[in-house]
Amino acid sequence: MESPEQYKARILALMESKDSLTVQRETANQMAELIAGIPAEQLCQRPAPDKWSVAEILAHLSEAEIGSSWRYRQMIEHDGAPLSSYDQDLWESLGGYASRDANNSLHLFRLLREANLRMFDQLSPGQWQRHGIHSERGPMSVADLARQVAGHDINHLEQVRKVVAQYRSGS
């Protein structure tokens, strides 16, 4: 099991020499291209018993965007705000990720992400530096969170690429 520090380091390593906002602007379209033409039943198949399906990953991304939206706004409104973690497995269970339509989850993700990108376009340099204290990852600014979210995007894009490649190769 990965510690919060290991997770943060792994996610940030994915962002080496990448721009957070560029990654965030491109993720929904990249996901749409990856899943185009793949039957819904394949998108719902887990590649292994302990790995999420593409549909579950997309549901997770949409709900993770809800959490990020709240955190960004809390930091901007209340500099130094406490930021709680969440149990992604509980969210998966409560959200019924396995029964969610992949395209609907992608649509929800796209709408939520676009709202955050519109907000980012309006932030002053000072607002980007507003911060919160994450219960597991410690102090982080709005810019830090945007970088972590972009790394999270890359992580899940790579997972989906691998699963989709299996679908397309027939294995």
Protein backbone atom coordinates (compact mmCIF):
# COMPACT_ATOMS: atom_id res chain seq x y z
CA MET A 1 0.00 0.00 0.00
CA GLU A 2 1.32 3.40 -1.01
CA SER A 3 1.72 6.04 1.71
CA PRO A 4 0.35 9.57 1.14
CA GLU A 5 3.95 10.82 0.72
CA GLN A 6 4.75 8.10 -1.85
CA TYR A 7 1.52 8.83 -3.74
CA LYS A 8 2.26 12.56 -3.85
CA ALA A 9 5.83 11.97 -5.05
CA ARG A 10 4.67 9.53 -7.75
CA ILE A 11 1.94 11.86 -9.01
CA LEU A 12 4.24 14.89 -9.05
CA ALA A 13 6.92 12.90 -10.91
CA LEU A 14 4.40 12.42 -13.73
CA MET A 15 4.25 16.22 -14.05
CA GLU A 16 7.95 16.76 -14.66
CA SER A 17 8.29 19.52 -17.32
CA LYS A 18 4.52 19.64 -17.89
CA ASP A 19 2.14 22.55 -17.40
CA SER A 20 -0.72 21.84 -14.98
CA LEU A 21 -3.34 23.78 -16.86
CA THR A 22 -2.40 22.36 -20.25
CA VAL A 23 -2.72 18.84 -18.87
CA GLN A 24 -6.05 19.65 -17.23
CA ARG A 25 -7.39 21.28 -20.42
CA GLU A 26 -6.51 18.21 -22.51
CA THR A 27 -7.58 15.34 -20.24
CA ALA A 28 -11.29 15.09 -21.12
CA ASN A 29 -10.61 15.13 -24.87
CA GLN A 30 -7.84 12.55 -24.50
CA MET A 31 -10.17 10.29 -22.53
CA ALA A 32 -12.90 10.71 -25.14
CA GLU A 33 -10.47 9.73 -27.91
CA LEU A 34 -9.27 6.70 -25.95
CA ILE A 35 -12.75 5.27 -25.37
CA ALA A 36 -14.28 6.19 -28.75
CA GLY A 37 -15.80 3.15 -30.40
CA ILE A 38 -15.30 0.79 -27.47
CA PRO A 39 -18.50 -1.05 -26.50
CA ALA A 40 -19.98 -0.11 -23.12
CA GLU A 41 -19.72 -3.67 -21.85
CA GLN A 42 -15.96 -3.64 -22.45
CA LEU A 43 -15.62 -0.29 -20.68
CA CYS A 44 -17.28 -1.90 -17.65
CA GLN A 45 -14.95 -4.93 -17.57
CA ARG A 46 -12.25 -4.88 -14.93
CA PRO A 47 -8.81 -5.75 -16.33
CA ALA A 48 -8.12 -7.65 -13.08
CA PRO A 49 -10.25 -8.31 -10.00
CA ASP A 50 -8.40 -5.63 -8.00
CA LYS A 51 -8.27 -3.01 -10.80
CA TRP A 52 -10.99 -0.56 -11.78
CA SER A 53 -12.62 -0.73 -15.18
CA VAL A 54 -12.44 2.23 -17.55
CA ALA A 55 -16.01 3.13 -16.56
CA GLU A 56 -15.04 3.09 -12.88
CA ILE A 57 -11.96 5.25 -13.55
CA LEU A 58 -14.11 7.80 -15.37
CA ALA A 59 -16.65 7.82 -12.52
CA HIS A 60 -13.75 8.31 -10.09
CA LEU A 61 -12.36 11.22 -12.14
CA SER A 62 -15.74 12.93 -12.17
CA GLU A 63 -16.14 12.63 -8.40
CA ALA A 64 -12.50 13.53 -7.70
CA GLU A 65 -13.18 16.74 -9.62
CA ILE A 66 -15.99 17.51 -7.16
CA GLY A 67 -13.53 17.17 -4.28
CA SER A 68 -10.91 19.29 -6.04
CA SER A 69 -13.48 21.97 -6.85
CA TRP A 70 -14.36 22.27 -3.17
CA ARG A 71 -10.73 22.34 -2.08
CA TYR A 72 -9.74 25.05 -4.59
CA ARG A 73 -12.60 27.26 -3.50
CA GLN A 74 -11.98 26.67 0.22
CA MET A 75 -8.33 27.70 -0.14
CA ILE A 76 -9.19 30.81 -2.14
CA GLU A 77 -11.91 31.85 0.27
CA HIS A 78 -10.17 30.82 3.52
CA ASP A 79 -6.38 30.99 3.25
CA GLY A 80 -4.99 28.19 5.42
CA ALA A 81 -8.22 26.17 5.30
CA PRO A 82 -8.13 22.58 6.54
CA LEU A 83 -8.54 20.13 3.64
CA SER A 84 -9.80 16.70 4.56
CA SER A 85 -8.88 13.57 2.66
CA TYR A 86 -11.52 11.17 1.40
CA ASP A 87 -11.79 7.43 1.09
CA GLN A 88 -11.90 6.75 -2.67
CA ASP A 89 -13.12 3.19 -2.05
CA LEU A 90 -16.06 4.47 -0.02
CA TRP A 91 -16.82 7.05 -2.73
CA GLU A 92 -16.65 4.24 -5.30
CA SER A 93 -19.15 2.20 -3.31
CA LEU A 94 -21.48 5.13 -2.59
CA GLY A 95 -21.28 6.29 -6.20
CA GLY A 96 -21.96 2.87 -7.67
CA TYR A 97 -19.03 3.31 -10.07
CA ALA A 98 -19.38 -0.23 -11.49
CA SER A 99 -22.90 0.54 -12.73
CA ARG A 100 -22.15 3.98 -14.15
CA ASP A 101 -22.13 4.66 -17.87
CA ALA A 102 -18.61 5.63 -18.97
CA ASN A 103 -19.78 8.33 -21.37
CA ASN A 104 -22.05 9.91 -18.75
CA SER A 105 -19.16 9.99 -16.27
CA LEU A 106 -16.88 11.52 -18.89
CA HIS A 107 -19.54 14.16 -19.63
CA LEU A 108 -19.85 15.00 -15.92
CA PHE A 109 -16.06 15.15 -15.59
CA ARG A 110 -15.85 17.49 -18.60
CA LEU A 111 -18.49 19.86 -17.17
CA LEU A 112 -16.88 20.00 -13.73
CA ARG A 113 -13.39 20.44 -15.18
CA GLU A 114 -14.56 23.24 -17.46
CA ALA A 115 -15.98 25.06 -14.43
CA ASN A 116 -12.60 24.81 -12.69
CA LEU A 117 -10.71 25.93 -15.79
CA ARG A 118 -12.99 29.00 -16.07
CA MET A 119 -12.22 29.79 -12.45
CA PHE A 120 -8.47 29.35 -13.03
CA ASP A 121 -8.61 31.86 -15.90
CA GLN A 122 -9.84 34.50 -13.43
CA LEU A 123 -7.38 33.92 -10.57
CA SER A 124 -4.88 36.58 -9.60
CA PRO A 125 -1.27 35.54 -8.83
CA GLY A 126 -2.09 35.96 -5.14
CA GLN A 127 -5.09 33.65 -5.36
CA TRP A 128 -2.93 30.93 -6.94
CA GLN A 129 -0.78 31.08 -3.79
CA ARG A 130 -3.64 30.83 -1.32
CA HIS A 131 -3.27 27.57 0.54
CA GLY A 132 -4.83 24.88 2.63
CA ILE A 133 -3.56 22.19 4.96
CA HIS A 134 -4.36 18.75 3.59
CA SER A 135 -4.89 16.16 6.33
CA GLU A 136 -2.51 13.69 4.64
CA ARG A 137 -0.35 15.74 2.26
CA GLY A 138 0.25 18.81 4.40
CA PRO A 139 0.33 22.44 3.21
CA MET A 140 -0.56 23.05 -0.43
CA SER A 141 -1.40 26.11 -2.50
CA VAL A 142 -4.05 26.31 -5.21
CA ALA A 143 -1.20 25.97 -7.73
CA ASP A 144 0.13 22.88 -5.89
CA LEU A 145 -3.29 21.24 -5.95
CA ALA A 146 -3.71 22.04 -9.65
CA ARG A 147 -0.37 20.30 -10.28
CA GLN A 148 -1.40 17.27 -8.23
CA VAL A 149 -4.75 17.05 -10.03
CA ALA A 150 -2.97 17.18 -13.40
CA GLY A 151 -0.63 14.38 -12.28
CA HIS A 152 -3.70 12.40 -11.16
CA ASP A 153 -5.11 12.91 -14.67
CA ILE A 154 -1.92 11.58 -16.27
CA ASN A 155 -1.92 8.57 -13.94
CA HIS A 156 -5.46 7.62 -14.94
CA LEU A 157 -4.92 8.39 -18.63
CA GLU A 158 -2.06 5.87 -18.59
CA GLN A 159 -4.25 3.28 -16.86
CA VAL A 160 -6.99 3.76 -19.44
CA ARG A 161 -4.47 3.61 -22.33
CA LYS A 162 -3.23 0.23 -21.11
CA VAL A 163 -6.73 -1.22 -20.67
CA VAL A 164 -7.92 0.13 -24.02
CA ALA A 165 -4.84 -1.32 -25.74
CA GLN A 166 -5.86 -4.74 -24.37
CA TYR A 167 -9.40 -4.26 -25.71
CA ARG A 168 -8.13 -3.28 -29.14
CA SER A 169 -5.63 -6.16 -29.31
CA GLY A 170 -8.32 -8.63 -28.28
CA SER A 171 -6.48 -9.94 -25.23
